[in-house]
Amino acid sequence: MPKSVARLVVPKVPAVPGASRRQQYSASTKRALVDVAEELFTEHGYASTSLDAIVAGARVTKGALYHHFSGKQALFEAVFERVEADASKTINSSLQGKKDPWLKAQAGLRAFLGVVQEPRYRRIVIQEGPSVLGYERYREQEERSTFATVVDIVRSVLSAGSWALDEGMVQTFARIFFGALSSAGESVATAEDAEEAADRVEAAIGFIIAGFQSMADAGVQPEWVAD
């Protein structure tokens, strides 16, 4: 067990007005379980992490774990959701203040490529997520956290041209780019040299973005533009 886990104590959470001490302790216990599970899942993987190791690291009983989670898979899902939520916050923060759609797209791409190189994201989301959650649940969780951001970026890029796009076409482009980013993220996360792989992905998607920019600047009207 990692020393950082062995030393872990149940963290304090900010006092919530109206919440009893029991409720606050319950929230602290749940947070400790997720913290420890995240570290152990990241270092050892899902299959090699036992519930005994998690409760020992969180310094709680197994009964306390089952009070909050139905089992190891439910606990993994809570960890997965937090890692994805943190990734979404990081990417959205990179977009703040970006008015130029091309700079916005590039900033979001770089932030995403940075996220997929983080050890916890690589292990929990990319490597373990699909097998532990199942493909459908995995995609549902992934879309819940990042698809809206992709739609926002795609809408900005497509709005840069004098193109009268209907919402269906915007959603279609967003789906295509979302799928491309998911595949690109997996290729980076599983590469022997993640940094080199990220550079290639940034260059490839950057080339596509540059193509849209050239079309917008030239006033090109593609056939798929709505009348």
Protein backbone atom coordinates (compact mmCIF):
# COMPACT_ATOMS: atom_id res chain seq x y z
CA MET A 1 0.00 0.00 0.00
CA PRO A 2 1.39 3.45 -0.89
CA LYS A 3 2.70 5.42 2.06
CA SER A 4 0.45 8.33 1.12
CA VAL A 5 -2.55 6.03 1.48
CA ALA A 6 -1.34 4.46 4.70
CA ARG A 7 -1.02 7.91 6.26
CA LEU A 8 -4.41 9.04 5.03
CA VAL A 9 -6.95 10.09 7.61
CA VAL A 10 -10.59 10.84 6.95
CA PRO A 11 -10.50 14.37 5.48
CA LYS A 12 -12.51 17.17 6.90
CA VAL A 13 -15.15 18.74 4.70
CA PRO A 14 -16.49 22.28 5.06
CA ALA A 15 -19.36 22.61 7.47
CA VAL A 16 -22.70 22.62 5.68
CA PRO A 17 -25.37 24.84 7.25
CA GLY A 18 -28.19 22.69 8.53
CA ALA A 19 -26.22 19.45 8.26
CA SER A 20 -25.77 17.39 11.39
CA ARG A 21 -22.37 16.25 12.61
CA ARG A 22 -23.38 12.73 11.60
CA GLN A 23 -24.12 13.87 8.05
CA GLN A 24 -20.81 15.72 7.81
CA TYR A 25 -18.91 12.70 9.10
CA SER A 26 -20.71 10.54 6.54
CA ALA A 27 -19.63 12.91 3.76
CA SER A 28 -16.04 12.81 5.06
CA THR A 29 -16.08 9.02 5.08
CA LYS A 30 -17.36 8.84 1.51
CA ARG A 31 -14.73 11.34 0.36
CA ALA A 32 -11.97 9.31 2.06
CA LEU A 33 -13.12 6.12 0.35
CA VAL A 34 -13.11 7.77 -3.08
CA ASP A 35 -9.70 9.37 -2.41
CA VAL A 36 -8.09 6.08 -1.44
CA ALA A 37 -9.81 4.12 -4.20
CA GLU A 38 -8.61 6.63 -6.79
CA GLU A 39 -5.01 6.26 -5.67
CA LEU A 40 -5.10 2.48 -5.49
CA PHE A 41 -6.97 2.04 -8.79
CA THR A 42 -4.45 4.35 -10.45
CA GLU A 43 -1.41 2.52 -9.10
CA HIS A 44 -2.57 -1.08 -9.11
CA GLY A 45 -5.59 -1.23 -11.40
CA TYR A 46 -9.15 -2.31 -10.66
CA ALA A 47 -8.63 -6.07 -10.53
CA SER A 48 -5.61 -5.87 -8.23
CA THR A 49 -7.25 -3.50 -5.74
CA SER A 50 -9.22 -5.13 -2.93
CA LEU A 51 -11.95 -3.61 -0.82
CA ASP A 52 -9.91 -4.57 2.23
CA ALA A 53 -7.05 -2.35 1.01
CA ILE A 54 -9.44 0.52 0.36
CA VAL A 55 -11.11 0.45 3.78
CA ALA A 56 -7.73 0.05 5.47
CA GLY A 57 -6.39 3.10 3.65
CA ALA A 58 -9.49 5.14 4.48
CA ARG A 59 -9.45 3.87 8.07
CA VAL A 60 -13.10 2.89 8.02
CA THR A 61 -14.96 -0.38 8.32
CA LYS A 62 -16.21 -2.40 5.40
CA GLY A 63 -19.69 -1.75 6.71
CA ALA A 64 -19.08 1.98 6.24
CA LEU A 65 -18.06 1.32 2.65
CA TYR A 66 -21.23 -0.63 1.94
CA HIS A 67 -23.27 2.16 3.50
CA HIS A 68 -22.14 4.43 0.65
CA PHE A 69 -21.43 2.01 -2.20
CA SER A 70 -22.95 -1.29 -3.27
CA GLY A 71 -19.51 -2.70 -4.04
CA LYS A 72 -16.18 -2.16 -5.76
CA GLN A 73 -17.69 -1.39 -9.16
CA ALA A 74 -19.92 1.34 -7.71
CA LEU A 75 -16.90 2.82 -5.97
CA PHE A 76 -14.93 2.70 -9.21
CA GLU A 77 -17.75 4.53 -10.96
CA ALA A 78 -17.60 7.29 -8.35
CA VAL A 79 -13.86 7.60 -8.94
CA PHE A 80 -14.38 7.58 -12.70
CA GLU A 81 -16.98 10.35 -12.46
CA ARG A 82 -14.66 12.51 -10.38
CA VAL A 83 -11.69 12.06 -12.70
CA GLU A 84 -13.87 12.90 -15.70
CA ALA A 85 -15.36 15.92 -13.91
CA ASP A 86 -11.89 17.21 -13.05
CA ALA A 87 -10.83 16.74 -16.67
CA SER A 88 -13.87 18.67 -17.88
CA LYS A 89 -13.09 21.53 -15.48
CA THR A 90 -9.50 21.68 -16.72
CA ILE A 91 -10.56 21.81 -20.36
CA ASN A 92 -13.29 24.38 -19.73
CA SER A 93 -10.85 26.56 -17.78
CA SER A 94 -8.55 26.61 -20.80
CA LEU A 95 -11.39 28.06 -22.89
CA GLN A 96 -12.12 30.97 -20.58
CA GLY A 97 -11.57 34.34 -22.25
CA LYS A 98 -10.94 32.81 -25.69
CA LYS A 99 -13.05 34.82 -28.13
CA ASP A 100 -11.26 33.76 -31.29
CA PRO A 101 -12.78 30.39 -32.32
CA TRP A 102 -9.51 29.05 -33.70
CA LEU A 103 -7.54 29.89 -30.57
CA LYS A 104 -10.39 28.44 -28.52
CA ALA A 105 -10.25 25.16 -30.44
CA GLN A 106 -6.47 24.95 -30.11
CA ALA A 107 -6.57 25.71 -26.38
CA GLY A 108 -9.23 23.06 -25.78
CA LEU A 109 -7.27 20.50 -27.78
CA ARG A 110 -4.04 21.16 -25.87
CA ALA A 111 -5.83 20.96 -22.54
CA PHE A 112 -7.44 17.67 -23.53
CA LEU A 113 -4.12 16.21 -24.65
CA GLY A 114 -2.60 17.26 -21.34
CA VAL A 115 -5.39 15.57 -19.40
CA VAL A 116 -5.09 12.21 -21.19
CA GLN A 117 -1.42 12.05 -20.24
CA GLU A 118 -2.19 12.25 -16.51
CA PRO A 119 -1.59 8.85 -14.81
CA ARG A 120 -5.00 8.72 -13.12
CA TYR A 121 -6.85 9.56 -16.34
CA ARG A 122 -4.83 7.09 -18.37
CA ARG A 123 -5.44 4.24 -15.97
CA ILE A 124 -8.97 4.89 -14.71
CA VAL A 125 -10.70 6.37 -17.74
CA ILE A 126 -8.81 5.00 -20.75
CA GLN A 127 -7.47 1.64 -19.59
CA GLU A 128 -9.98 0.49 -16.98
CA GLY A 129 -13.18 2.40 -17.75
CA PRO A 130 -14.53 0.45 -20.75
CA SER A 131 -14.00 -3.00 -19.20
CA VAL A 132 -15.19 -2.15 -15.68
CA LEU A 133 -18.22 -0.05 -16.62
CA GLY A 134 -19.10 -1.73 -19.89
CA TYR A 135 -19.00 0.08 -23.22
CA GLU A 136 -22.47 1.67 -23.07
CA ARG A 137 -22.07 2.96 -19.51
CA TYR A 138 -18.56 4.14 -20.30
CA ARG A 139 -19.71 6.16 -23.30
CA GLU A 140 -22.63 7.57 -21.34
CA GLN A 141 -20.34 8.83 -18.57
CA GLU A 142 -17.80 10.18 -21.04
CA GLU A 143 -20.42 12.11 -23.00
CA ARG A 144 -21.96 13.49 -19.83
CA SER A 145 -18.67 15.10 -18.82
CA THR A 146 -17.13 16.34 -22.08
CA PHE A 147 -19.57 16.25 -25.00
CA ALA A 148 -21.10 19.63 -24.17
CA THR A 149 -17.62 21.19 -24.33
CA VAL A 150 -17.00 19.66 -27.74
CA VAL A 151 -20.35 21.04 -28.97
CA ASP A 152 -19.38 24.49 -27.69
CA ILE A 153 -16.03 24.44 -29.52
CA VAL A 154 -17.51 23.05 -32.74
CA ARG A 155 -20.28 25.63 -32.69
CA SER A 156 -17.70 28.42 -32.33
CA VAL A 157 -15.61 27.09 -35.21
CA LEU A 158 -18.57 26.60 -37.54
CA SER A 159 -19.96 30.02 -36.66
CA ALA A 160 -16.73 31.65 -37.83
CA GLY A 161 -17.77 31.24 -41.44
CA SER A 162 -20.79 32.75 -43.14
CA TRP A 163 -22.48 29.37 -42.98
CA ALA A 164 -26.15 28.99 -42.12
CA LEU A 165 -25.95 25.66 -40.32
CA ASP A 166 -28.94 23.93 -38.84
CA GLU A 167 -28.65 22.38 -35.38
CA GLY A 168 -28.64 18.88 -36.81
CA MET A 169 -25.45 19.59 -38.76
CA VAL A 170 -23.78 21.19 -35.73
CA GLN A 171 -24.58 18.08 -33.68
CA THR A 172 -23.30 15.84 -36.47
CA PHE A 173 -19.96 17.65 -36.58
CA ALA A 174 -19.78 17.53 -32.80
CA ARG A 175 -20.36 13.77 -32.78
CA ILE A 176 -17.65 13.25 -35.39
CA PHE A 177 -15.10 15.35 -33.53
CA PHE A 178 -16.06 13.81 -30.20
CA GLY A 179 -15.40 10.35 -31.60
CA ALA A 180 -12.12 11.49 -33.13
CA LEU A 181 -10.97 13.03 -29.85
CA SER A 182 -11.91 9.91 -27.89
CA SER A 183 -9.90 7.75 -30.26
CA ALA A 184 -7.01 10.22 -30.25
CA GLY A 185 -7.05 10.34 -26.46
CA GLU A 186 -6.81 6.57 -26.26
CA SER A 187 -3.91 6.50 -28.73
CA VAL A 188 -2.03 9.07 -26.63
CA ALA A 189 -2.81 7.44 -23.29
CA THR A 190 -1.64 4.00 -24.44
CA ALA A 191 1.42 5.15 -26.42
CA GLU A 192 4.92 4.31 -25.23
CA ASP A 193 5.83 7.95 -25.73
CA ALA A 194 2.65 9.82 -24.78
CA GLU A 195 4.17 13.25 -25.36
CA GLU A 196 5.24 12.40 -28.89
CA ALA A 197 1.83 10.89 -29.63
CA ALA A 198 0.13 14.03 -28.29
CA ASP A 199 2.25 16.19 -30.58
CA ARG A 200 1.15 14.12 -33.59
CA VAL A 201 -2.51 14.36 -32.61
CA GLU A 202 -2.25 18.12 -32.10
CA ALA A 203 -0.63 18.50 -35.53
CA ALA A 204 -3.24 16.33 -37.25
CA ILE A 205 -6.30 17.95 -35.68
CA GLY A 206 -4.66 21.36 -36.01
CA PHE A 207 -4.41 20.71 -39.75
CA ILE A 208 -8.16 20.01 -39.89
CA ILE A 209 -8.95 23.15 -37.90
CA ALA A 210 -6.73 25.18 -40.23
CA GLY A 211 -8.74 23.84 -43.16
CA PHE A 212 -11.96 25.14 -41.65
CA GLN A 213 -10.29 28.48 -40.98
CA SER A 214 -9.14 28.77 -44.61
CA MET A 215 -12.65 27.97 -45.83
CA ALA A 216 -14.17 30.55 -43.49
CA ASP A 217 -11.66 33.24 -44.50
CA ALA A 218 -12.24 32.53 -48.19
CA GLY A 219 -16.01 32.57 -47.84
CA VAL A 220 -16.34 29.05 -49.23
CA GLN A 221 -19.89 27.69 -49.09
CA PRO A 222 -19.84 23.87 -48.76
CA GLU A 223 -22.67 21.78 -50.19
CA TRP A 224 -23.81 20.76 -46.71
CA VAL A 225 -24.62 24.34 -45.71
CA ALA A 226 -28.36 24.82 -45.27
CA ASP A 227 -30.11 27.10 -47.72
